[in-house]
Amino acid sequence: MPPWVRCGDGSIPAMFSWKRPGNLGVRNARLAPCRRTPNCVSSQADPADAEHYIAPIPFKGDAMAAVVRALQQMPRSTVVIEGRNYLYAEFRTRLMRYVDDVEFFHDDQAGVIHLRSASRLGRRDFGVNRKRMEQLRLLLSASAARPPRGDVP
């Protein structure tokens, strides 16, 4: 096997790995930080980092159920892990089937949903991750404004 195929660093073959990242999940109430590349947004990034920071979503109630309902309205999304206060989903692009890893963490005490969306491959995403998260914000805001089913006469 050529030496460039065996590399485990940040070289070209490693950049094109389709494997799910190993840093997903919540550790000490924090999602993984964004890499330095401009294809990631996170509500837990430094607010002074305009390239990566996106505001968390205020939410009271069953946040993960609301996130699942919102994701079901979005094309090419797949929920991979769903827990009481954490959800991980993947989005695939239409043509090339590139994957974006999307995470949600509901901080019960703060009453917010923290979010992170990052392209798995490449460097640029042309704002797709930010636009997707803002679309989800709108869907979740609409969900929070509606009364739960069964409460309407």
C-alpha atoms as a PDB file:
ATOM      1  CA  MET A   1       0.000   0.000   0.000  1.00  0.00           C
ATOM      2  CA  PRO A   2       1.430   3.449  -0.876  1.00  0.00           C
ATOM      3  CA  PRO A   3       2.427   5.520   2.186  1.00  0.00           C
ATOM      4  CA  TRP A   4      -0.086   8.300   1.395  1.00  0.00           C
ATOM      5  CA  VAL A   5      -2.993   5.861   1.752  1.00  0.00           C
ATOM      6  CA  ARG A   6      -2.046   4.869   5.318  1.00  0.00           C
ATOM      7  CA  CYS A   7      -1.964   8.419   6.712  1.00  0.00           C
ATOM      8  CA  GLY A   8      -4.028   9.283   9.779  1.00  0.00           C
ATOM      9  CA  ASP A   9      -3.202  12.973   9.846  1.00  0.00           C
ATOM     10  CA  GLY A  10      -4.812  15.891   8.048  1.00  0.00           C
ATOM     11  CA  SER A  11      -3.387  15.019   4.645  1.00  0.00           C
ATOM     12  CA  ILE A  12      -5.368  14.702   1.425  1.00  0.00           C
ATOM     13  CA  PRO A  13      -6.610  11.091   1.877  1.00  0.00           C
ATOM     14  CA  ALA A  14      -7.697  11.828   5.456  1.00  0.00           C
ATOM     15  CA  MET A  15      -9.650  14.896   4.280  1.00  0.00           C
ATOM     16  CA  PHE A  16     -11.799  12.733   2.014  1.00  0.00           C
ATOM     17  CA  SER A  17     -12.812  10.232   4.663  1.00  0.00           C
ATOM     18  CA  TRP A  18     -16.535   9.501   4.740  1.00  0.00           C
ATOM     19  CA  LYS A  19     -16.312   8.199   8.293  1.00  0.00           C
ATOM     20  CA  ARG A  20     -18.448   9.791  10.983  1.00  0.00           C
ATOM     21  CA  PRO A  21     -16.334  12.107  13.157  1.00  0.00           C
ATOM     22  CA  GLY A  22     -15.231  10.714  16.517  1.00  0.00           C
ATOM     23  CA  ASN A  23     -15.755  13.987  18.396  1.00  0.00           C
ATOM     24  CA  LEU A  24     -19.555  14.076  18.219  1.00  0.00           C
ATOM     25  CA  GLY A  25     -21.672  14.239  21.350  1.00  0.00           C
ATOM     26  CA  VAL A  26     -21.810  16.316  24.513  1.00  0.00           C
ATOM     27  CA  ARG A  27     -18.889  16.467  26.934  1.00  0.00           C
ATOM     28  CA  ASN A  28     -19.150  18.667  30.022  1.00  0.00           C
ATOM     29  CA  ALA A  29     -22.292  20.318  28.584  1.00  0.00           C
ATOM     30  CA  ARG A  30     -20.411  21.281  25.404  1.00  0.00           C
ATOM     31  CA  LEU A  31     -20.592  20.215  21.788  1.00  0.00           C
ATOM     32  CA  ALA A  32     -17.327  19.817  19.886  1.00  0.00           C
ATOM     33  CA  PRO A  33     -15.732  23.094  18.822  1.00  0.00           C
ATOM     34  CA  CYS A  34     -15.686  24.042  15.154  1.00  0.00           C
ATOM     35  CA  ARG A  35     -12.502  23.520  13.199  1.00  0.00           C
ATOM     36  CA  ARG A  36     -10.881  26.653  11.801  1.00  0.00           C
ATOM     37  CA  THR A  37     -12.474  26.076   8.411  1.00  0.00           C
ATOM     38  CA  PRO A  38     -15.472  28.273   7.508  1.00  0.00           C
ATOM     39  CA  ASN A  39     -17.872  25.343   6.990  1.00  0.00           C
ATOM     40  CA  CYS A  40     -19.132  25.047  10.576  1.00  0.00           C
ATOM     41  CA  VAL A  41     -21.442  27.004  12.874  1.00  0.00           C
ATOM     42  CA  SER A  42     -21.963  26.479  16.598  1.00  0.00           C
ATOM     43  CA  SER A  43     -23.919  28.240  19.314  1.00  0.00           C
ATOM     44  CA  GLN A  44     -21.084  27.419  21.697  1.00  0.00           C
ATOM     45  CA  ALA A  45     -18.415  29.168  19.614  1.00  0.00           C
ATOM     46  CA  ASP A  46     -17.102  32.496  20.895  1.00  0.00           C
ATOM     47  CA  PRO A  47     -19.735  35.161  20.031  1.00  0.00           C
ATOM     48  CA  ALA A  48     -16.876  37.371  18.778  1.00  0.00           C
ATOM     49  CA  ASP A  49     -16.192  34.709  16.108  1.00  0.00           C
ATOM     50  CA  ALA A  50     -18.759  35.886  13.555  1.00  0.00           C
ATOM     51  CA  GLU A  51     -17.739  33.187  11.079  1.00  0.00           C
ATOM     52  CA  HIS A  52     -18.622  30.294  13.402  1.00  0.00           C
ATOM     53  CA  TYR A  53     -20.998  31.668  16.052  1.00  0.00           C
ATOM     54  CA  ILE A  54     -24.743  31.279  15.749  1.00  0.00           C
ATOM     55  CA  ALA A  55     -27.155  32.089  18.574  1.00  0.00           C
ATOM     56  CA  PRO A  56     -28.718  29.208  20.518  1.00  0.00           C
ATOM     57  CA  ILE A  57     -32.459  28.670  20.174  1.00  0.00           C
ATOM     58  CA  PRO A  58     -34.581  29.533  23.224  1.00  0.00           C
ATOM     59  CA  PHE A  59     -36.862  26.576  23.944  1.00  0.00           C
ATOM     60  CA  LYS A  60     -38.900  25.250  26.859  1.00  0.00           C
ATOM     61  CA  GLY A  61     -40.511  21.832  26.828  1.00  0.00           C
ATOM     62  CA  ASP A  62     -39.697  18.651  24.926  1.00  0.00           C
ATOM     63  CA  ALA A  63     -36.955  20.121  22.755  1.00  0.00           C
ATOM     64  CA  MET A  64     -35.756  16.921  21.095  1.00  0.00           C
ATOM     65  CA  ALA A  65     -39.274  15.951  19.990  1.00  0.00           C
ATOM     66  CA  ALA A  66     -39.622  19.416  18.454  1.00  0.00           C
ATOM     67  CA  VAL A  67     -36.231  19.066  16.735  1.00  0.00           C
ATOM     68  CA  VAL A  68     -37.278  15.696  15.281  1.00  0.00           C
ATOM     69  CA  ARG A  69     -40.515  17.236  13.939  1.00  0.00           C
ATOM     70  CA  ALA A  70     -38.539  20.104  12.391  1.00  0.00           C
ATOM     71  CA  LEU A  71     -35.995  17.754  10.821  1.00  0.00           C
ATOM     72  CA  GLN A  72     -38.801  15.676   9.292  1.00  0.00           C
ATOM     73  CA  GLN A  73     -39.795  18.774   7.322  1.00  0.00           C
ATOM     74  CA  MET A  74     -36.322  19.163   5.839  1.00  0.00           C
ATOM     75  CA  PRO A  75     -35.144  17.187   2.809  1.00  0.00           C
ATOM     76  CA  ARG A  76     -32.286  14.691   2.984  1.00  0.00           C
ATOM     77  CA  SER A  77     -32.073  14.635   6.786  1.00  0.00           C
ATOM     78  CA  THR A  78     -31.605  11.479   8.840  1.00  0.00           C
ATOM     79  CA  VAL A  79     -31.794  11.300  12.630  1.00  0.00           C
ATOM     80  CA  VAL A  80     -28.946   9.048  13.759  1.00  0.00           C
ATOM     81  CA  ILE A  81     -29.005   9.417  17.577  1.00  0.00           C
ATOM     82  CA  GLU A  82     -31.876  10.736  19.668  1.00  0.00           C
ATOM     83  CA  GLY A  83     -31.646  11.099  23.436  1.00  0.00           C
ATOM     84  CA  ARG A  84     -33.421  13.051  26.165  1.00  0.00           C
ATOM     85  CA  ASN A  85     -31.375  16.216  25.623  1.00  0.00           C
ATOM     86  CA  TYR A  86     -29.139  15.374  22.640  1.00  0.00           C
ATOM     87  CA  LEU A  87     -29.813  14.671  18.979  1.00  0.00           C
ATOM     88  CA  TYR A  88     -27.438  13.942  16.118  1.00  0.00           C
ATOM     89  CA  ALA A  89     -28.551  14.048  12.491  1.00  0.00           C
ATOM     90  CA  GLU A  90     -26.923  13.902   9.092  1.00  0.00           C
ATOM     91  CA  PHE A  91     -27.836  15.912   6.010  1.00  0.00           C
ATOM     92  CA  ARG A  92     -26.733  14.778   2.544  1.00  0.00           C
ATOM     93  CA  THR A  93     -26.323  17.032  -0.450  1.00  0.00           C
ATOM     94  CA  ARG A  94     -28.510  16.200  -3.413  1.00  0.00           C
ATOM     95  CA  LEU A  95     -25.912  15.541  -6.098  1.00  0.00           C
ATOM     96  CA  MET A  96     -22.592  14.556  -4.562  1.00  0.00           C
ATOM     97  CA  ARG A  97     -24.104  13.072  -1.364  1.00  0.00           C
ATOM     98  CA  TYR A  98     -21.676  14.991   0.873  1.00  0.00           C
ATOM     99  CA  VAL A  99     -22.567  14.761   4.566  1.00  0.00           C
ATOM    100  CA  ASP A 100     -23.074  17.545   7.074  1.00  0.00           C
ATOM    101  CA  ASP A 101     -23.067  16.523  10.746  1.00  0.00           C
ATOM    102  CA  VAL A 102     -25.694  18.362  12.804  1.00  0.00           C
ATOM    103  CA  GLU A 103     -26.017  18.224  16.585  1.00  0.00           C
ATOM    104  CA  PHE A 104     -28.482  19.629  19.095  1.00  0.00           C
ATOM    105  CA  PHE A 105     -28.099  19.826  22.869  1.00  0.00           C
ATOM    106  CA  HIS A 106     -30.953  21.085  25.059  1.00  0.00           C
ATOM    107  CA  ASP A 107     -29.591  22.899  28.110  1.00  0.00           C
ATOM    108  CA  ASP A 108     -32.552  22.537  30.486  1.00  0.00           C
ATOM    109  CA  GLN A 109     -31.228  25.081  32.988  1.00  0.00           C
ATOM    110  CA  ALA A 110     -30.605  27.798  30.416  1.00  0.00           C
ATOM    111  CA  GLY A 111     -33.753  26.934  28.427  1.00  0.00           C
ATOM    112  CA  VAL A 112     -31.914  26.885  25.102  1.00  0.00           C
ATOM    113  CA  ILE A 113     -31.055  24.439  22.371  1.00  0.00           C
ATOM    114  CA  HIS A 114     -27.382  24.601  21.480  1.00  0.00           C
ATOM    115  CA  LEU A 115     -26.595  23.587  17.926  1.00  0.00           C
ATOM    116  CA  ARG A 116     -23.641  22.712  15.779  1.00  0.00           C
ATOM    117  CA  SER A 117     -23.594  22.048  12.046  1.00  0.00           C
ATOM    118  CA  ALA A 118     -20.402  21.140  10.208  1.00  0.00           C
ATOM    119  CA  SER A 119     -19.512  19.873   6.757  1.00  0.00           C
ATOM    120  CA  ARG A 120     -17.707  16.565   7.000  1.00  0.00           C
ATOM    121  CA  LEU A 121     -15.551  17.191   3.932  1.00  0.00           C
ATOM    122  CA  GLY A 122     -13.995  20.177   2.256  1.00  0.00           C
ATOM    123  CA  ARG A 123     -13.351  23.689   3.418  1.00  0.00           C
ATOM    124  CA  ARG A 124     -16.194  25.909   2.217  1.00  0.00           C
ATOM    125  CA  ASP A 125     -19.924  25.371   2.391  1.00  0.00           C
ATOM    126  CA  PHE A 126     -21.115  28.705   0.924  1.00  0.00           C
ATOM    127  CA  GLY A 127     -23.195  29.378   4.055  1.00  0.00           C
ATOM    128  CA  VAL A 128     -25.270  26.191   3.783  1.00  0.00           C
ATOM    129  CA  ASN A 129     -24.797  25.140   7.424  1.00  0.00           C
ATOM    130  CA  ARG A 130     -25.784  28.582   8.751  1.00  0.00           C
ATOM    131  CA  LYS A 131     -28.820  28.802   6.437  1.00  0.00           C
ATOM    132  CA  ARG A 132     -29.958  25.328   7.496  1.00  0.00           C
ATOM    133  CA  MET A 133     -29.697  26.197  11.188  1.00  0.00           C
ATOM    134  CA  GLU A 134     -31.647  29.423  10.651  1.00  0.00           C
ATOM    135  CA  GLN A 135     -34.335  27.445   8.812  1.00  0.00           C
ATOM    136  CA  LEU A 136     -34.478  25.032  11.765  1.00  0.00           C
ATOM    137  CA  ARG A 137     -34.710  28.016  14.121  1.00  0.00           C
ATOM    138  CA  LEU A 138     -37.806  29.218  12.237  1.00  0.00           C
ATOM    139  CA  LEU A 139     -39.381  25.748  12.291  1.00  0.00           C
ATOM    140  CA  LEU A 140     -38.702  25.395  16.038  1.00  0.00           C
ATOM    141  CA  SER A 141     -40.055  28.880  16.762  1.00  0.00           C
ATOM    142  CA  ALA A 142     -43.244  28.002  14.906  1.00  0.00           C
ATOM    143  CA  SER A 143     -43.410  24.723  16.839  1.00  0.00           C
ATOM    144  CA  ALA A 144     -43.028  26.511  20.187  1.00  0.00           C
ATOM    145  CA  ALA A 145     -45.764  28.993  19.259  1.00  0.00           C
ATOM    146  CA  ARG A 146     -48.302  26.246  18.494  1.00  0.00           C
ATOM    147  CA  PRO A 147     -50.125  24.588  21.394  1.00  0.00           C
ATOM    148  CA  PRO A 148     -49.413  20.864  21.803  1.00  0.00           C
ATOM    149  CA  ARG A 149     -51.820  18.517  20.050  1.00  0.00           C
ATOM    150  CA  GLY A 150     -54.867  17.638  22.039  1.00  0.00           C
ATOM    151  CA  ASP A 151     -54.987  20.980  23.880  1.00  0.00           C
ATOM    152  CA  VAL A 152     -57.065  22.712  21.234  1.00  0.00           C
ATOM    153  CA  PRO A 153     -60.831  22.212  21.486  1.00  0.00           C
END
